[in-house]
Amino acid sequence: MRITTGSISFLCFAAALFILAAASLSWAESGAFAGSIYDPGRLKPTDSVSVVKVGDRAPDFDLLSVTGERVSLSSFKGTKNVVISFVPAAWTPVCSDQWPGYNAFKEIFDGHDAILLGITVDNIPTLFAWTHEMDPAAGRVWFPVLSDFWPHGETAARYGVLRSNGTSERALFVIDKKGIIRWIDVHDINKRPNIEDLVRELDKLAD
């Protein structure tokens, strides 16, 4: 059988799904941290105006990470595909499942020569506490977590995902090594995005 990049992605993806299915409770539902999660209730699915589209050059940014380093989109140009994951707020149920869940898919990102960047409008102390409470057995999260707190929501606004209440949408952007936006998913804020859709779009980068 001929082994292709697509088949490797599928095998890694299937293995990751098995790992996730084997977990009896999500991090947000686990007894140790259940009391720390704030449930905002059901929110308006989307609440922003698009300002970029597929085929546009992705707006650059330079944001502070929880490690104290600054991370810019332009630093990956020519070397890495980039997936940006905007999430609304730390310490909320869906966000607290979504980001730790990407730990099971690190090999998928590596196999597509892609880096994941997580962005919220929370400040650094909040993000530091939140990410350090994530499941230590899963290695917390493997990707840079960046603060778009000040100027507040500036990066989210440049990507058209800043909501009217000052939080960001739950959104994914796939950006190729040339800095061009290849896929946008401004998702229902109340739901976790489908990893299958993201993997499919990453596969397209090899076409």
N, C-alpha and C. Protein backbone atom coordinates (compact mmCIF):
# COMPACT_ATOMS: atom_id res chain seq x y z
N MET A 1 0.85 -1.20 0.00
CA MET A 1 0.00 0.00 0.00
C MET A 1 0.88 1.25 0.00
N ARG A 2 0.55 2.21 -0.83
CA ARG A 2 1.31 3.46 -0.90
C ARG A 2 0.90 4.36 0.26
N ILE A 3 1.88 4.78 1.04
CA ILE A 3 1.61 5.66 2.18
C ILE A 3 1.73 7.10 1.72
N THR A 4 0.70 7.87 1.89
CA THR A 4 0.70 9.28 1.50
C THR A 4 0.56 10.16 2.71
N THR A 5 0.81 11.46 2.51
CA THR A 5 0.62 12.41 3.61
C THR A 5 -0.80 12.35 4.13
N GLY A 6 -1.76 12.21 3.20
CA GLY A 6 -3.16 12.16 3.61
C GLY A 6 -3.46 10.95 4.46
N SER A 7 -2.89 9.79 4.11
CA SER A 7 -3.16 8.58 4.89
C SER A 7 -2.51 8.65 6.25
N ILE A 8 -1.31 9.26 6.33
CA ILE A 8 -0.67 9.45 7.63
C ILE A 8 -1.51 10.36 8.50
N SER A 9 -2.02 11.43 7.89
CA SER A 9 -2.87 12.36 8.65
C SER A 9 -4.09 11.63 9.19
N PHE A 10 -4.67 10.76 8.35
CA PHE A 10 -5.86 10.05 8.78
C PHE A 10 -5.55 9.12 9.95
N LEU A 11 -4.42 8.41 9.86
CA LEU A 11 -4.05 7.49 10.94
C LEU A 11 -3.80 8.24 12.24
N CYS A 12 -3.08 9.36 12.16
CA CYS A 12 -2.83 10.18 13.35
C CYS A 12 -4.14 10.74 13.90
N PHE A 13 -4.99 11.16 12.98
CA PHE A 13 -6.28 11.73 13.37
C PHE A 13 -7.14 10.69 14.07
N ALA A 14 -7.19 9.47 13.53
CA ALA A 14 -7.98 8.39 14.13
C ALA A 14 -7.45 8.04 15.52
N ALA A 15 -6.12 8.02 15.65
CA ALA A 15 -5.53 7.72 16.95
C ALA A 15 -5.87 8.80 17.97
N ALA A 16 -5.84 10.06 17.52
CA ALA A 16 -6.16 11.17 18.42
C ALA A 16 -7.61 11.11 18.87
N LEU A 17 -8.51 10.76 17.94
CA LEU A 17 -9.91 10.64 18.30
C LEU A 17 -10.12 9.53 19.34
N PHE A 18 -9.36 8.45 19.20
CA PHE A 18 -9.45 7.35 20.17
C PHE A 18 -9.02 7.83 21.55
N ILE A 19 -7.95 8.62 21.60
CA ILE A 19 -7.47 9.15 22.88
C ILE A 19 -8.54 10.01 23.53
N LEU A 20 -9.16 10.87 22.71
CA LEU A 20 -10.19 11.76 23.26
C LEU A 20 -11.40 10.97 23.73
N ALA A 21 -11.78 9.94 22.97
CA ALA A 21 -12.94 9.14 23.34
C ALA A 21 -12.69 8.36 24.61
N ALA A 22 -11.42 8.03 24.87
CA ALA A 22 -11.08 7.24 26.06
C ALA A 22 -11.19 8.04 27.34
N ALA A 23 -11.15 9.36 27.22
CA ALA A 23 -11.23 10.21 28.41
C ALA A 23 -12.68 10.26 28.88
N SER A 24 -12.91 9.90 30.14
CA SER A 24 -14.28 9.84 30.64
C SER A 24 -14.86 11.20 30.95
N LEU A 25 -13.99 12.18 31.27
CA LEU A 25 -14.46 13.53 31.58
C LEU A 25 -13.56 14.54 30.91
N SER A 26 -14.12 15.62 30.43
CA SER A 26 -13.32 16.71 29.90
C SER A 26 -12.67 17.44 31.06
N TRP A 27 -11.63 18.23 30.73
CA TRP A 27 -10.96 19.00 31.78
C TRP A 27 -11.95 19.92 32.48
N ALA A 28 -12.81 20.58 31.74
CA ALA A 28 -13.75 21.55 32.33
C ALA A 28 -14.76 20.88 33.24
N GLU A 29 -15.03 19.58 33.01
CA GLU A 29 -16.02 18.88 33.83
C GLU A 29 -15.40 18.12 34.98
N SER A 30 -14.06 18.05 35.03
CA SER A 30 -13.41 17.25 36.05
C SER A 30 -13.66 17.84 37.43
N GLY A 31 -13.74 16.96 38.42
CA GLY A 31 -14.07 17.40 39.77
C GLY A 31 -13.10 18.39 40.34
N ALA A 32 -11.81 18.26 40.00
CA ALA A 32 -10.79 19.12 40.58
C ALA A 32 -10.95 20.58 40.17
N PHE A 33 -11.51 20.84 38.99
CA PHE A 33 -11.56 22.21 38.48
C PHE A 33 -12.97 22.70 38.17
N ALA A 34 -13.96 21.85 38.41
CA ALA A 34 -15.33 22.22 38.06
C ALA A 34 -15.75 23.53 38.72
N GLY A 35 -15.30 23.77 39.93
CA GLY A 35 -15.69 24.98 40.64
C GLY A 35 -15.03 26.24 40.13
N SER A 36 -14.02 26.09 39.27
CA SER A 36 -13.30 27.26 38.74
C SER A 36 -13.85 27.76 37.41
N ILE A 37 -14.75 26.99 36.80
CA ILE A 37 -15.24 27.33 35.47
C ILE A 37 -16.51 28.16 35.55
N TYR A 38 -16.49 29.29 34.85
CA TYR A 38 -17.66 30.17 34.80
C TYR A 38 -18.47 29.86 33.55
N ASP A 39 -19.74 29.58 33.72
CA ASP A 39 -20.62 29.29 32.60
C ASP A 39 -21.43 30.54 32.26
N PRO A 40 -21.18 31.17 31.10
CA PRO A 40 -21.91 32.38 30.74
C PRO A 40 -23.30 32.12 30.19
N GLY A 41 -23.67 30.83 30.07
CA GLY A 41 -24.95 30.51 29.45
C GLY A 41 -24.87 30.59 27.94
N ARG A 42 -26.00 30.40 27.29
CA ARG A 42 -26.00 30.42 25.83
C ARG A 42 -25.87 31.85 25.32
N LEU A 43 -24.95 32.04 24.38
CA LEU A 43 -24.66 33.36 23.83
C LEU A 43 -25.08 33.44 22.37
N LYS A 44 -25.19 34.65 21.87
CA LYS A 44 -25.46 34.86 20.44
C LYS A 44 -24.37 34.15 19.65
N PRO A 45 -24.71 33.26 18.72
CA PRO A 45 -23.70 32.43 18.05
C PRO A 45 -22.53 33.20 17.45
N THR A 46 -22.80 34.28 16.74
CA THR A 46 -21.75 35.16 16.23
C THR A 46 -22.20 36.60 16.42
N ASP A 47 -21.21 37.49 16.58
CA ASP A 47 -21.54 38.89 16.87
C ASP A 47 -20.38 39.78 16.41
N SER A 48 -20.06 39.69 15.14
CA SER A 48 -18.96 40.49 14.61
C SER A 48 -19.18 40.70 13.11
N VAL A 49 -18.37 41.55 12.53
CA VAL A 49 -18.46 41.86 11.11
C VAL A 49 -17.15 41.46 10.44
N SER A 50 -17.21 40.63 9.41
CA SER A 50 -16.01 40.16 8.72
C SER A 50 -15.28 41.32 8.06
N VAL A 51 -13.96 41.31 8.18
CA VAL A 51 -13.15 42.34 7.53
C VAL A 51 -12.05 41.72 6.67
N VAL A 52 -11.85 40.40 6.80
CA VAL A 52 -10.88 39.70 5.95
C VAL A 52 -11.58 38.52 5.30
N LYS A 53 -11.00 38.03 4.22
CA LYS A 53 -11.58 36.89 3.51
C LYS A 53 -10.46 35.96 3.04
N VAL A 54 -10.85 34.75 2.65
CA VAL A 54 -9.89 33.80 2.11
C VAL A 54 -9.22 34.42 0.88
N GLY A 55 -7.90 34.31 0.83
CA GLY A 55 -7.13 34.91 -0.26
C GLY A 55 -6.45 36.20 0.13
N ASP A 56 -6.90 36.82 1.24
CA ASP A 56 -6.27 38.04 1.73
C ASP A 56 -4.95 37.71 2.44
N ARG A 57 -4.07 38.71 2.48
CA ARG A 57 -2.89 38.57 3.32
C ARG A 57 -3.30 38.73 4.77
N ALA A 58 -2.86 37.82 5.62
CA ALA A 58 -3.27 37.86 7.03
C ALA A 58 -2.65 39.06 7.74
N PRO A 59 -3.43 39.80 8.50
CA PRO A 59 -2.87 40.93 9.25
C PRO A 59 -1.80 40.46 10.23
N ASP A 60 -0.70 41.16 10.25
CA ASP A 60 0.38 40.81 11.18
C ASP A 60 0.01 41.27 12.59
N PHE A 61 0.66 40.67 13.57
CA PHE A 61 0.48 41.08 14.96
C PHE A 61 1.74 40.74 15.72
N ASP A 62 1.88 41.36 16.86
CA ASP A 62 3.01 41.12 17.76
C ASP A 62 2.44 41.13 19.17
N LEU A 63 2.26 39.93 19.76
CA LEU A 63 1.55 39.80 21.03
C LEU A 63 2.42 39.12 22.08
N LEU A 64 2.15 39.44 23.33
CA LEU A 64 2.86 38.85 24.45
C LEU A 64 2.27 37.49 24.79
N SER A 65 3.15 36.50 25.01
CA SER A 65 2.69 35.17 25.37
C SER A 65 2.80 34.96 26.88
N VAL A 66 2.20 33.88 27.36
CA VAL A 66 2.25 33.60 28.81
C VAL A 66 3.66 33.25 29.26
N THR A 67 4.56 32.95 28.33
CA THR A 67 5.95 32.66 28.68
C THR A 67 6.78 33.93 28.82
N GLY A 68 6.18 35.08 28.48
CA GLY A 68 6.90 36.34 28.55
C GLY A 68 7.54 36.75 27.24
N GLU A 69 7.47 35.87 26.23
CA GLU A 69 8.03 36.19 24.91
C GLU A 69 6.98 36.88 24.05
N ARG A 70 7.45 37.64 23.09
CA ARG A 70 6.56 38.24 22.11
C ARG A 70 6.55 37.37 20.86
N VAL A 71 5.38 37.20 20.29
CA VAL A 71 5.21 36.33 19.12
C VAL A 71 4.53 37.13 18.03
N SER A 72 5.13 37.13 16.85
CA SER A 72 4.54 37.82 15.71
C SER A 72 4.19 36.81 14.63
N LEU A 73 3.14 37.10 13.88
CA LEU A 73 2.77 36.23 12.77
C LEU A 73 3.87 36.22 11.71
N SER A 74 4.45 37.37 11.45
CA SER A 74 5.45 37.49 10.38
C SER A 74 6.68 36.64 10.64
N SER A 75 6.94 36.27 11.90
CA SER A 75 8.13 35.48 12.20
C SER A 75 8.03 34.06 11.64
N PHE A 76 6.83 33.63 11.26
CA PHE A 76 6.65 32.28 10.71
C PHE A 76 6.59 32.27 9.18
N LYS A 77 6.61 33.46 8.57
CA LYS A 77 6.49 33.53 7.12
C LYS A 77 7.64 32.79 6.45
N GLY A 78 7.30 31.94 5.51
CA GLY A 78 8.30 31.18 4.77
C GLY A 78 8.76 29.91 5.45
N THR A 79 8.37 29.71 6.71
CA THR A 79 8.85 28.54 7.45
C THR A 79 7.73 27.65 7.98
N LYS A 80 6.59 28.24 8.35
CA LYS A 80 5.51 27.48 8.96
C LYS A 80 4.15 27.91 8.43
N ASN A 81 3.27 26.93 8.23
CA ASN A 81 1.86 27.25 8.13
C ASN A 81 1.38 27.61 9.53
N VAL A 82 0.38 28.46 9.62
CA VAL A 82 -0.09 28.93 10.93
C VAL A 82 -1.59 28.71 11.05
N VAL A 83 -2.00 28.16 12.19
CA VAL A 83 -3.41 28.10 12.55
C VAL A 83 -3.61 29.02 13.74
N ILE A 84 -4.48 30.00 13.59
CA ILE A 84 -4.81 30.89 14.71
C ILE A 84 -6.14 30.44 15.30
N SER A 85 -6.14 30.23 16.60
CA SER A 85 -7.37 29.87 17.32
C SER A 85 -7.73 31.01 18.26
N PHE A 86 -8.74 31.79 17.87
CA PHE A 86 -9.29 32.80 18.77
C PHE A 86 -10.34 32.12 19.65
N VAL A 87 -10.29 32.33 20.95
CA VAL A 87 -11.35 31.87 21.83
C VAL A 87 -11.83 33.04 22.68
N PRO A 88 -13.09 33.01 23.13
CA PRO A 88 -13.68 34.17 23.80
C PRO A 88 -13.07 34.52 25.15
N ALA A 89 -12.91 33.53 26.03
CA ALA A 89 -12.52 33.89 27.39
C ALA A 89 -11.97 32.69 28.15
N ALA A 90 -10.98 32.96 28.96
CA ALA A 90 -10.44 31.95 29.88
C ALA A 90 -11.50 31.54 30.89
N TRP A 91 -11.32 30.36 31.47
CA TRP A 91 -12.16 29.88 32.56
C TRP A 91 -13.62 29.70 32.17
N THR A 92 -13.88 29.46 30.88
CA THR A 92 -15.24 29.17 30.44
C THR A 92 -15.27 27.75 29.86
N PRO A 93 -16.45 27.11 29.83
CA PRO A 93 -16.51 25.67 29.55
C PRO A 93 -15.96 25.24 28.19
N VAL A 94 -16.44 25.84 27.10
CA VAL A 94 -16.04 25.37 25.78
C VAL A 94 -14.56 25.67 25.52
N CYS A 95 -14.13 26.86 25.89
CA CYS A 95 -12.71 27.22 25.71
C CYS A 95 -11.80 26.28 26.49
N SER A 96 -12.24 25.90 27.67
CA SER A 96 -11.43 25.06 28.55
C SER A 96 -11.39 23.61 28.09
N ASP A 97 -12.26 23.24 27.16
CA ASP A 97 -12.19 21.93 26.50
C ASP A 97 -11.42 22.02 25.19
N GLN A 98 -11.65 23.11 24.46
CA GLN A 98 -11.10 23.22 23.12
C GLN A 98 -9.58 23.21 23.11
N TRP A 99 -8.96 24.09 23.89
CA TRP A 99 -7.51 24.20 23.81
C TRP A 99 -6.77 22.98 24.34
N PRO A 100 -7.11 22.44 25.52
CA PRO A 100 -6.42 21.21 25.94
C PRO A 100 -6.67 20.06 24.96
N GLY A 101 -7.81 20.07 24.28
CA GLY A 101 -8.11 19.02 23.31
C GLY A 101 -7.13 18.98 22.15
N TYR A 102 -6.50 20.12 21.82
CA TYR A 102 -5.54 20.14 20.73
C TYR A 102 -4.26 19.37 21.07
N ASN A 103 -4.05 19.07 22.35
CA ASN A 103 -2.87 18.29 22.72
C ASN A 103 -2.84 16.94 22.01
N ALA A 104 -4.02 16.35 21.81
CA ALA A 104 -4.09 15.03 21.16
C ALA A 104 -3.79 15.10 19.67
N PHE A 105 -3.73 16.32 19.12
CA PHE A 105 -3.56 16.47 17.68
C PHE A 105 -2.24 17.13 17.30
N LYS A 106 -1.30 17.20 18.23
CA LYS A 106 -0.03 17.87 17.93
C LYS A 106 0.66 17.25 16.71
N GLU A 107 0.60 15.92 16.58
CA GLU A 107 1.25 15.27 15.46
C GLU A 107 0.63 15.68 14.12
N ILE A 108 -0.66 15.99 14.14
CA ILE A 108 -1.31 16.46 12.91
C ILE A 108 -0.71 17.79 12.48
N PHE A 109 -0.55 18.70 13.44
CA PHE A 109 0.05 20.01 13.13
C PHE A 109 1.49 19.83 12.67
N ASP A 110 2.26 19.02 13.39
CA ASP A 110 3.65 18.78 13.01
C ASP A 110 3.74 18.20 11.61
N GLY A 111 2.84 17.27 11.28
CA GLY A 111 2.86 16.62 9.98
C GLY A 111 2.53 17.55 8.82
N HIS A 112 1.89 18.68 9.15
CA HIS A 112 1.56 19.67 8.13
C HIS A 112 2.46 20.89 8.23
N ASP A 113 3.54 20.76 8.99
CA ASP A 113 4.49 21.86 9.16
C ASP A 113 3.76 23.12 9.61
N ALA A 114 2.89 22.94 10.60
CA ALA A 114 2.02 24.03 11.06
C ALA A 114 2.22 24.30 12.55
N ILE A 115 2.11 25.55 12.92
CA ILE A 115 2.12 25.98 14.32
C ILE A 115 0.74 26.49 14.66
N LEU A 116 0.29 26.19 15.87
CA LEU A 116 -0.99 26.70 16.36
C LEU A 116 -0.71 27.86 17.30
N LEU A 117 -1.42 28.96 17.13
CA LEU A 117 -1.32 30.11 18.01
C LEU A 117 -2.68 30.36 18.64
N GLY A 118 -2.74 30.34 19.96
CA GLY A 118 -3.98 30.60 20.67
C GLY A 118 -4.04 32.05 21.12
N ILE A 119 -5.15 32.73 20.83
CA ILE A 119 -5.28 34.16 21.16
C ILE A 119 -6.60 34.40 21.88
N THR A 120 -6.55 35.15 23.00
CA THR A 120 -7.75 35.65 23.66
C THR A 120 -7.52 37.10 24.05
N VAL A 121 -8.59 37.78 24.44
CA VAL A 121 -8.47 39.17 24.89
C VAL A 121 -8.19 39.25 26.39
N ASP A 122 -7.98 38.11 27.05
CA ASP A 122 -7.66 38.11 28.48
C ASP A 122 -6.25 38.64 28.72
N ASN A 123 -6.01 39.13 29.95
CA ASN A 123 -4.66 39.60 30.26
C ASN A 123 -3.74 38.43 30.62
N ILE A 124 -2.46 38.71 30.68
CA ILE A 124 -1.46 37.66 30.90
C ILE A 124 -1.64 36.93 32.23
N PRO A 125 -1.85 37.62 33.36
CA PRO A 125 -2.03 36.88 34.62
C PRO A 125 -3.20 35.88 34.55
N THR A 126 -4.29 36.29 33.93
CA THR A 126 -5.44 35.38 33.79
C THR A 126 -5.08 34.18 32.93
N LEU A 127 -4.43 34.41 31.81
CA LEU A 127 -4.06 33.31 30.92
C LEU A 127 -3.02 32.40 31.56
N PHE A 128 -2.10 33.00 32.31
CA PHE A 128 -1.09 32.19 33.00
C PHE A 128 -1.75 31.23 33.99
N ALA A 129 -2.65 31.75 34.82
CA ALA A 129 -3.33 30.91 35.81
C ALA A 129 -4.17 29.84 35.13
N TRP A 130 -4.89 30.23 34.08
CA TRP A 130 -5.78 29.29 33.38
C TRP A 130 -5.00 28.15 32.74
N THR A 131 -3.98 28.48 31.98
CA THR A 131 -3.24 27.43 31.28
C THR A 131 -2.45 26.55 32.24
N HIS A 132 -2.04 27.09 33.38
CA HIS A 132 -1.30 26.28 34.35
C HIS A 132 -2.21 25.38 35.18
N GLU A 133 -3.51 25.57 35.07
CA GLU A 133 -4.45 24.66 35.73
C GLU A 133 -4.91 23.55 34.79
N MET A 134 -4.56 23.67 33.52
CA MET A 134 -4.96 22.62 32.58
C MET A 134 -4.22 21.33 32.89
N ASP A 135 -4.81 20.24 32.51
CA ASP A 135 -4.36 18.90 32.88
C ASP A 135 -2.85 18.72 32.72
N PRO A 136 -2.08 18.64 33.81
CA PRO A 136 -0.63 18.47 33.70
C PRO A 136 -0.26 17.19 32.98
N ALA A 137 -1.09 16.15 33.10
CA ALA A 137 -0.80 14.87 32.43
C ALA A 137 -0.81 15.02 30.91
N ALA A 138 -1.56 16.00 30.43
CA ALA A 138 -1.63 16.25 28.98
C ALA A 138 -0.61 17.29 28.55
N GLY A 139 0.24 17.72 29.48
CA GLY A 139 1.25 18.71 29.14
C GLY A 139 0.70 20.10 29.00
N ARG A 140 -0.45 20.37 29.70
CA ARG A 140 -1.12 21.66 29.55
C ARG A 140 -1.39 21.90 28.08
N VAL A 141 -0.86 22.94 27.48
CA VAL A 141 -0.99 23.09 26.03
C VAL A 141 0.39 23.30 25.44
N TRP A 142 0.59 22.78 24.24
CA TRP A 142 1.92 22.78 23.62
C TRP A 142 2.18 24.01 22.77
N PHE A 143 1.15 24.82 22.55
CA PHE A 143 1.27 25.93 21.60
C PHE A 143 1.33 27.26 22.33
N PRO A 144 1.86 28.32 21.69
CA PRO A 144 1.90 29.64 22.31
C PRO A 144 0.50 30.17 22.60
N VAL A 145 0.31 30.70 23.80
CA VAL A 145 -0.95 31.32 24.20
C VAL A 145 -0.68 32.82 24.33
N LEU A 146 -1.41 33.61 23.54
CA LEU A 146 -1.11 35.03 23.38
C LEU A 146 -2.24 35.91 23.89
N SER A 147 -1.85 37.03 24.47
CA SER A 147 -2.83 37.98 25.03
C SER A 147 -3.06 39.15 24.08
N ASP A 148 -4.34 39.36 23.74
CA ASP A 148 -4.77 40.49 22.91
C ASP A 148 -5.48 41.52 23.79
N PHE A 149 -4.98 41.63 25.03
CA PHE A 149 -5.66 42.45 26.03
C PHE A 149 -5.51 43.95 25.76
N TRP A 150 -4.28 44.37 25.37
CA TRP A 150 -4.08 45.81 25.21
C TRP A 150 -3.13 46.10 24.06
N PRO A 151 -3.46 47.03 23.16
CA PRO A 151 -4.76 47.68 23.05
C PRO A 151 -5.86 46.63 22.92
N HIS A 152 -6.90 46.80 23.69
CA HIS A 152 -7.86 45.71 23.89
C HIS A 152 -8.49 45.23 22.59
N GLY A 153 -8.25 43.93 22.32
CA GLY A 153 -8.89 43.30 21.17
C GLY A 153 -8.42 43.81 19.82
N GLU A 154 -7.28 44.46 19.77
CA GLU A 154 -6.82 45.05 18.51
C GLU A 154 -6.63 43.99 17.43
N THR A 155 -6.02 42.87 17.78
CA THR A 155 -5.80 41.82 16.79
C THR A 155 -7.11 41.17 16.38
N ALA A 156 -7.97 40.89 17.35
CA ALA A 156 -9.28 40.32 17.02
C ALA A 156 -10.05 41.25 16.09
N ALA A 157 -9.97 42.54 16.32
CA ALA A 157 -10.67 43.51 15.47
C ALA A 157 -10.09 43.49 14.05
N ARG A 158 -8.77 43.36 13.92
CA ARG A 158 -8.15 43.35 12.60
C ARG A 158 -8.52 42.10 11.81
N TYR A 159 -8.88 41.04 12.53
CA TYR A 159 -9.34 39.81 11.87
C TYR A 159 -10.86 39.75 11.78
N GLY A 160 -11.55 40.79 12.27
CA GLY A 160 -13.00 40.84 12.16
C GLY A 160 -13.72 39.91 13.10
N VAL A 161 -13.12 39.59 14.26
CA VAL A 161 -13.74 38.64 15.18
C VAL A 161 -13.92 39.21 16.58
N LEU A 162 -13.89 40.55 16.71
CA LEU A 162 -14.14 41.17 18.01
C LEU A 162 -15.64 41.36 18.18
N ARG A 163 -16.18 40.78 19.24
CA ARG A 163 -17.61 40.89 19.51
C ARG A 163 -17.94 42.21 20.18
N SER A 164 -19.22 42.56 20.20
CA SER A 164 -19.65 43.86 20.74
C SER A 164 -19.41 43.98 22.23
N ASN A 165 -19.24 42.85 22.94
CA ASN A 165 -19.00 42.91 24.39
C ASN A 165 -17.51 42.91 24.73
N GLY A 166 -16.65 42.99 23.72
CA GLY A 166 -15.21 43.07 23.97
C GLY A 166 -14.48 41.74 23.99
N THR A 167 -15.20 40.62 23.90
CA THR A 167 -14.55 39.33 23.77
C THR A 167 -14.39 39.02 22.27
N SER A 168 -13.70 37.94 21.98
CA SER A 168 -13.56 37.56 20.57
C SER A 168 -14.52 36.43 20.23
N GLU A 169 -14.71 36.23 18.94
CA GLU A 169 -15.44 35.07 18.48
C GLU A 169 -14.62 33.81 18.76
N ARG A 170 -15.27 32.67 18.63
CA ARG A 170 -14.54 31.40 18.59
C ARG A 170 -14.25 31.16 17.11
N ALA A 171 -13.01 31.38 16.72
CA ALA A 171 -12.70 31.40 15.29
C ALA A 171 -11.35 30.75 15.01
N LEU A 172 -11.26 30.13 13.83
CA LEU A 172 -10.03 29.52 13.36
C LEU A 172 -9.65 30.13 12.01
N PHE A 173 -8.36 30.41 11.85
CA PHE A 173 -7.82 30.89 10.59
C PHE A 173 -6.64 30.01 10.21
N VAL A 174 -6.63 29.50 8.99
CA VAL A 174 -5.49 28.77 8.47
C VAL A 174 -4.75 29.69 7.51
N ILE A 175 -3.45 29.88 7.79
CA ILE A 175 -2.62 30.81 7.02
C ILE A 175 -1.42 30.04 6.47
N ASP A 176 -1.18 30.15 5.18
CA ASP A 176 -0.08 29.38 4.59
C ASP A 176 1.27 30.08 4.82
N LYS A 177 2.33 29.45 4.33
CA LYS A 177 3.68 29.96 4.59
C LYS A 177 3.95 31.29 3.91
N LYS A 178 3.11 31.65 2.93
CA LYS A 178 3.25 32.94 2.27
C LYS A 178 2.50 34.05 3.02
N GLY A 179 1.79 33.66 4.08
CA GLY A 179 1.04 34.65 4.84
C GLY A 179 -0.35 34.91 4.31
N ILE A 180 -0.86 33.99 3.48
CA ILE A 180 -2.18 34.15 2.86
C ILE A 180 -3.21 33.33 3.63
N ILE A 181 -4.36 33.92 3.89
CA ILE A 181 -5.45 33.23 4.59
C ILE A 181 -6.05 32.20 3.64
N ARG A 182 -6.05 30.93 4.08
CA ARG A 182 -6.56 29.85 3.24
C ARG A 182 -7.91 29.32 3.71
N TRP A 183 -8.27 29.59 4.96
CA TRP A 183 -9.54 29.09 5.49
C TRP A 183 -9.92 29.91 6.71
N ILE A 184 -11.22 30.17 6.84
CA ILE A 184 -11.76 30.90 7.99
C ILE A 184 -12.97 30.15 8.52
N ASP A 185 -13.01 29.94 9.81
CA ASP A 185 -14.19 29.35 10.45
C ASP A 185 -14.54 30.20 11.66
N VAL A 186 -15.50 31.12 11.47
CA VAL A 186 -16.05 31.86 12.61
C VAL A 186 -17.19 31.00 13.13
N HIS A 187 -16.93 30.32 14.21
CA HIS A 187 -17.79 29.24 14.67
C HIS A 187 -18.86 29.76 15.63
N ASP A 188 -19.91 28.97 15.79
CA ASP A 188 -20.89 29.23 16.85
C ASP A 188 -20.14 29.25 18.17
N ILE A 189 -20.20 30.37 18.87
CA ILE A 189 -19.42 30.55 20.10
C ILE A 189 -19.77 29.53 21.17
N ASN A 190 -20.94 28.95 21.08
CA ASN A 190 -21.41 27.99 22.08
C ASN A 190 -20.91 26.56 21.83
N LYS A 191 -20.23 26.35 20.68
CA LYS A 191 -19.84 25.00 20.29
C LYS A 191 -18.36 24.92 19.99
N ARG A 192 -17.80 23.75 20.26
CA ARG A 192 -16.40 23.49 19.95
C ARG A 192 -16.27 23.20 18.45
N PRO A 193 -15.32 23.83 17.76
CA PRO A 193 -15.15 23.56 16.32
C PRO A 193 -14.81 22.10 16.04
N ASN A 194 -15.23 21.62 14.87
CA ASN A 194 -14.93 20.25 14.48
C ASN A 194 -13.48 20.12 14.03
N ILE A 195 -12.73 19.26 14.70
CA ILE A 195 -11.33 19.08 14.33
C ILE A 195 -11.22 18.48 12.93
N GLU A 196 -12.23 17.72 12.52
CA GLU A 196 -12.21 17.12 11.18
C GLU A 196 -12.10 18.19 10.10
N ASP A 197 -12.82 19.30 10.28
CA ASP A 197 -12.80 20.37 9.29
C ASP A 197 -11.40 21.00 9.21
N LEU A 198 -10.78 21.20 10.36
CA LEU A 198 -9.45 21.80 10.38
C LEU A 198 -8.43 20.88 9.72
N VAL A 199 -8.49 19.59 10.02
CA VAL A 199 -7.56 18.64 9.41
C VAL A 199 -7.71 18.62 7.90
N ARG A 200 -8.94 18.67 7.42
CA ARG A 200 -9.20 18.67 5.98
C ARG A 200 -8.55 19.90 5.32
N GLU A 201 -8.66 21.05 5.99
CA GLU A 201 -8.07 22.26 5.42
C GLU A 201 -6.56 22.23 5.47
N LEU A 202 -5.99 21.64 6.51
CA LEU A 202 -4.54 21.50 6.57
C LEU A 202 -4.04 20.58 5.46
N ASP A 203 -4.81 19.53 5.17
CA ASP A 203 -4.44 18.62 4.08
C ASP A 203 -4.34 19.38 2.74
N LYS A 204 -5.19 20.37 2.56
CA LYS A 204 -5.20 21.12 1.31
C LYS A 204 -3.93 21.92 1.09
N LEU A 205 -3.21 22.23 2.17
CA LEU A 205 -2.01 23.04 2.04
C LEU A 205 -0.91 22.32 1.28
N ALA A 206 -1.01 20.99 1.24
CA ALA A 206 -0.01 20.19 0.51
C ALA A 206 -0.34 20.06 -0.97
N ASP A 207 -1.54 20.53 -1.38
CA ASP A 207 -1.97 20.39 -2.79
C ASP A 207 -1.16 21.32 -3.70
